[in-house]
Amino acid sequence: MVGFPLLLVPLAVYNIIVFLMPGVSFTDPLITLTLMSGAAWPVTLSDGLLALGLFFLMLEVIKGARPGAKYLTDHLLSLIVFGAAAAEFLLWPKFGNSTYCLLTLFALVDFISGIALHTRRRALAPAAPSVRAGKAQPVPAEPPHPEPAPASVAAPAPAAPPPAVAPVPPATSVAESVLLDHAAPKPAVALPELQPGGQPPSDPPQR
């Protein structure tokens, strides 16, 4: 949505008074206010237009400070208002006074502040956490540090190695050893001759 340039209001009021009410003076006091000090303060039409322009300038700055409040078209309209006011101040004799000069400067401040705030928002956008672009990148968690074992707990003793098992001889070697035992001739054992009477012979006497 394109914003309406609020500073166009006091400039339009000034143009209306100049072209449609030529007999109205901007320097004649509209009202006289008595201050607490006792001094009389005459308020003129020029003072009222300047106060109105300053109020609208404050509103324009507040609008420009909000994120996404002003677009390129709004800045272009502010530039057009300032250019038209500056042209009237320089080219028309009835606009060559301090009141209209200050209103023109208000329009210039509105344009410059809008550009400055828009540039500032664009510069701060990449630094802020991006919500529109996508999900935020998760921060990798640090691996937990292993807790040292308490000194009182003794380390478990290493397990004893299993007993060595004697290798089993193959079946072929066992069979060969059995056959060799049967094939080898057994030595003859001489049996002592029995003497008559069934008694074994006595050992010969030793010398």
Protein backbone atom coordinates (compact mmCIF):
# COMPACT_ATOMS: atom_id res chain seq x y z
CA MET A 1 0.00 0.00 0.00
CA VAL A 2 1.43 3.39 -1.03
CA GLY A 3 1.68 5.92 1.82
CA PHE A 4 0.30 9.40 1.40
CA PRO A 5 2.95 12.15 1.82
CA LEU A 6 1.69 14.04 4.86
CA LEU A 7 3.85 17.11 4.25
CA LEU A 8 1.73 17.81 1.18
CA VAL A 9 -1.02 19.07 3.54
CA PRO A 10 0.71 22.29 4.85
CA LEU A 11 2.11 23.01 1.38
CA ALA A 12 -1.36 22.62 -0.14
CA VAL A 13 -2.84 24.91 2.54
CA TYR A 14 -0.23 27.55 1.71
CA ASN A 15 -1.05 27.29 -2.02
CA ILE A 16 -4.77 27.57 -1.34
CA ILE A 17 -4.28 30.72 0.74
CA VAL A 18 -2.00 32.29 -1.89
CA PHE A 19 -4.18 31.57 -4.95
CA LEU A 20 -7.69 31.56 -3.53
CA MET A 21 -7.42 34.04 -0.64
CA PRO A 22 -4.98 36.74 -1.78
CA GLY A 23 -6.12 39.20 0.91
CA VAL A 24 -5.02 36.97 3.81
CA SER A 25 -1.69 37.92 5.36
CA PHE A 26 0.66 35.32 6.81
CA THR A 27 2.17 37.82 9.26
CA ASP A 28 -1.03 39.11 10.90
CA PRO A 29 -1.60 37.57 14.34
CA LEU A 30 -4.48 35.16 14.53
CA ILE A 31 -4.50 34.96 18.31
CA THR A 32 -2.47 36.42 21.15
CA LEU A 33 -1.50 34.13 24.04
CA THR A 34 -0.38 35.41 27.44
CA LEU A 35 2.37 33.30 28.93
CA MET A 36 3.00 32.66 32.65
CA SER A 37 5.76 35.24 32.57
CA GLY A 38 3.21 37.87 31.50
CA ALA A 39 4.59 38.26 27.98
CA ALA A 40 2.12 38.34 25.08
CA TRP A 41 2.84 35.90 22.26
CA PRO A 42 1.06 36.69 18.98
CA VAL A 43 0.47 33.54 16.93
CA THR A 44 0.41 34.17 13.17
CA LEU A 45 -0.72 32.03 10.25
CA SER A 46 2.90 31.32 9.36
CA ASP A 47 3.52 29.97 12.87
CA GLY A 48 0.51 27.69 12.56
CA LEU A 49 1.65 26.32 9.19
CA LEU A 50 5.17 25.68 10.50
CA ALA A 51 3.82 23.88 13.58
CA LEU A 52 1.55 21.79 11.34
CA GLY A 53 4.46 20.95 9.02
CA LEU A 54 6.69 19.96 11.96
CA PHE A 55 3.97 17.66 13.33
CA PHE A 56 3.52 15.92 9.97
CA LEU A 57 7.29 15.57 9.63
CA MET A 58 7.39 13.72 12.94
CA LEU A 59 4.65 11.36 11.72
CA GLU A 60 6.56 10.71 8.48
CA VAL A 61 9.72 9.79 10.41
CA ILE A 62 7.74 7.44 12.64
CA LYS A 63 6.20 5.79 9.58
CA GLY A 64 9.61 5.40 7.95
CA ALA A 65 11.13 3.82 11.09
CA ARG A 66 8.74 0.88 11.04
CA PRO A 67 10.01 -2.24 9.18
CA GLY A 68 8.50 -2.46 5.71
CA ALA A 69 6.58 0.82 6.16
CA LYS A 70 7.90 2.72 3.13
CA TYR A 71 8.44 1.43 -0.37
CA LEU A 72 10.21 2.95 -3.36
CA THR A 73 6.99 4.67 -4.47
CA ASP A 74 6.72 6.47 -1.12
CA HIS A 75 10.26 7.84 -1.49
CA LEU A 76 9.47 8.90 -5.04
CA LEU A 77 6.36 10.81 -3.88
CA SER A 78 8.39 12.55 -1.16
CA LEU A 79 10.94 13.58 -3.78
CA ILE A 80 8.17 14.95 -6.05
CA VAL A 81 6.71 16.99 -3.16
CA PHE A 82 10.12 18.44 -2.34
CA GLY A 83 10.85 19.25 -6.00
CA ALA A 84 7.50 21.03 -6.48
CA ALA A 85 7.93 23.03 -3.25
CA ALA A 86 11.49 24.04 -4.19
CA ALA A 87 10.36 25.12 -7.66
CA GLU A 88 7.59 27.31 -6.21
CA PHE A 89 9.98 28.85 -3.69
CA LEU A 90 12.48 29.76 -6.43
CA LEU A 91 10.12 30.78 -9.25
CA TRP A 92 7.02 32.44 -7.68
CA PRO A 93 7.40 35.76 -5.86
CA LYS A 94 4.56 35.05 -3.44
CA PHE A 95 6.37 31.94 -2.17
CA GLY A 96 9.71 33.60 -1.55
CA ASN A 97 9.58 33.97 2.23
CA SER A 98 10.95 32.22 5.29
CA THR A 99 7.73 30.34 6.02
CA TYR A 100 7.61 28.56 2.69
CA CYS A 101 11.37 28.01 2.76
CA LEU A 102 11.07 26.13 6.04
CA LEU A 103 8.16 24.04 4.69
CA THR A 104 10.35 23.11 1.71
CA LEU A 105 13.16 22.10 4.05
CA PHE A 106 10.70 19.89 5.96
CA ALA A 107 9.94 18.06 2.70
CA LEU A 108 13.67 17.63 2.06
CA VAL A 109 14.22 16.20 5.55
CA ASP A 110 11.33 13.79 5.00
CA PHE A 111 12.89 12.47 1.78
CA ILE A 112 16.42 12.12 3.20
CA SER A 113 15.27 10.46 6.44
CA GLY A 114 13.17 7.94 4.50
CA ILE A 115 16.14 6.96 2.32
CA ALA A 116 18.46 6.73 5.33
CA LEU A 117 16.06 4.55 7.34
CA HIS A 118 15.42 2.27 4.35
CA THR A 119 19.17 1.82 3.79
CA ARG A 120 19.70 1.14 7.48
CA ARG A 121 17.05 -1.60 7.51
CA ARG A 122 18.57 -3.27 4.46
CA ALA A 123 22.03 -3.21 6.08
CA LEU A 124 20.75 -4.79 9.30
CA ALA A 125 18.62 -7.46 7.57
CA PRO A 126 21.47 -9.97 6.84
CA ALA A 127 22.83 -9.66 10.39
CA ALA A 128 19.51 -10.49 12.05
CA PRO A 129 18.34 -14.10 12.40
CA SER A 130 16.70 -15.02 9.04
CA VAL A 131 13.11 -16.05 9.53
CA ARG A 132 11.75 -15.53 6.03
CA ALA A 133 14.55 -17.35 4.18
CA GLY A 134 14.06 -20.68 5.93
CA LYS A 135 14.83 -22.64 9.03
CA ALA A 136 17.67 -21.64 11.24
CA GLN A 137 20.74 -23.84 11.03
CA PRO A 138 21.06 -26.06 14.14
CA VAL A 139 24.14 -25.54 16.21
CA PRO A 140 26.11 -28.79 16.52
CA ALA A 141 26.25 -29.98 20.08
CA GLU A 142 29.61 -30.63 21.61
CA PRO A 143 30.33 -34.31 22.35
CA PRO A 144 30.12 -35.13 26.04
CA HIS A 145 33.48 -35.43 27.71
CA PRO A 146 34.09 -38.86 29.27
CA GLU A 147 34.12 -38.70 33.03
CA PRO A 148 37.34 -40.03 34.63
CA ALA A 149 36.96 -43.23 36.60
CA PRO A 150 37.21 -42.78 40.38
CA ALA A 151 40.54 -43.74 41.93
CA SER A 152 38.92 -46.04 44.49
CA VAL A 153 37.52 -48.39 41.89
CA ALA A 154 40.16 -50.93 40.86
CA ALA A 155 40.48 -51.86 37.24
CA PRO A 156 39.23 -55.40 36.48
CA ALA A 157 42.03 -58.04 36.24
CA PRO A 158 42.64 -59.38 32.75
CA ALA A 159 41.07 -62.78 32.13
CA ALA A 160 43.42 -65.80 32.24
CA PRO A 161 44.14 -67.33 28.85
CA PRO A 162 42.42 -70.68 28.19
CA PRO A 163 44.56 -73.83 28.76
CA ALA A 164 46.42 -75.04 25.76
CA VAL A 165 44.85 -78.14 24.23
CA ALA A 166 47.25 -80.80 22.91
CA PRO A 167 46.85 -81.27 19.22
CA VAL A 168 44.96 -84.46 18.31
CA PRO A 169 47.03 -86.71 16.03
CA PRO A 170 45.39 -87.50 12.77
CA ALA A 171 43.60 -90.81 12.33
CA THR A 172 46.05 -92.10 9.74
CA SER A 173 49.06 -91.88 12.09
CA VAL A 174 47.14 -93.71 14.83
CA ALA A 175 46.23 -96.52 12.48
CA GLU A 176 49.82 -96.88 11.25
CA SER A 177 51.17 -97.13 14.81
CA VAL A 178 48.65 -99.86 15.67
CA LEU A 179 49.62 -101.93 12.60
CA LEU A 180 53.31 -101.60 13.38
CA ASP A 181 52.72 -102.81 16.94
CA HIS A 182 50.96 -105.93 15.66
CA ALA A 183 53.51 -106.64 12.92
CA ALA A 184 56.63 -106.43 15.14
CA PRO A 185 57.64 -109.87 16.61
CA LYS A 186 57.55 -110.14 20.34
CA PRO A 187 60.77 -111.40 22.00
CA ALA A 188 60.60 -114.86 23.45
CA VAL A 189 60.77 -115.08 27.18
CA ALA A 190 62.65 -118.07 28.60
CA LEU A 191 60.65 -119.77 31.31
CA PRO A 192 62.56 -121.50 34.09
CA GLU A 193 62.46 -125.27 34.08
CA LEU A 194 60.75 -126.85 36.99
CA GLN A 195 62.62 -129.39 39.02
CA PRO A 196 61.02 -132.60 40.01
CA GLY A 197 58.79 -131.99 42.85
CA GLY A 198 57.38 -128.84 41.41
CA GLN A 199 59.95 -126.47 42.85
CA PRO A 200 61.81 -123.99 40.77
CA PRO A 201 65.53 -124.48 40.53
CA SER A 202 67.52 -122.67 43.06
CA ASP A 203 70.00 -120.09 42.15
CA PRO A 204 73.57 -121.30 41.87
CA PRO A 205 75.72 -120.45 44.80
CA GLN A 206 77.63 -117.30 44.53
CA ARG A 207 81.35 -117.32 44.96
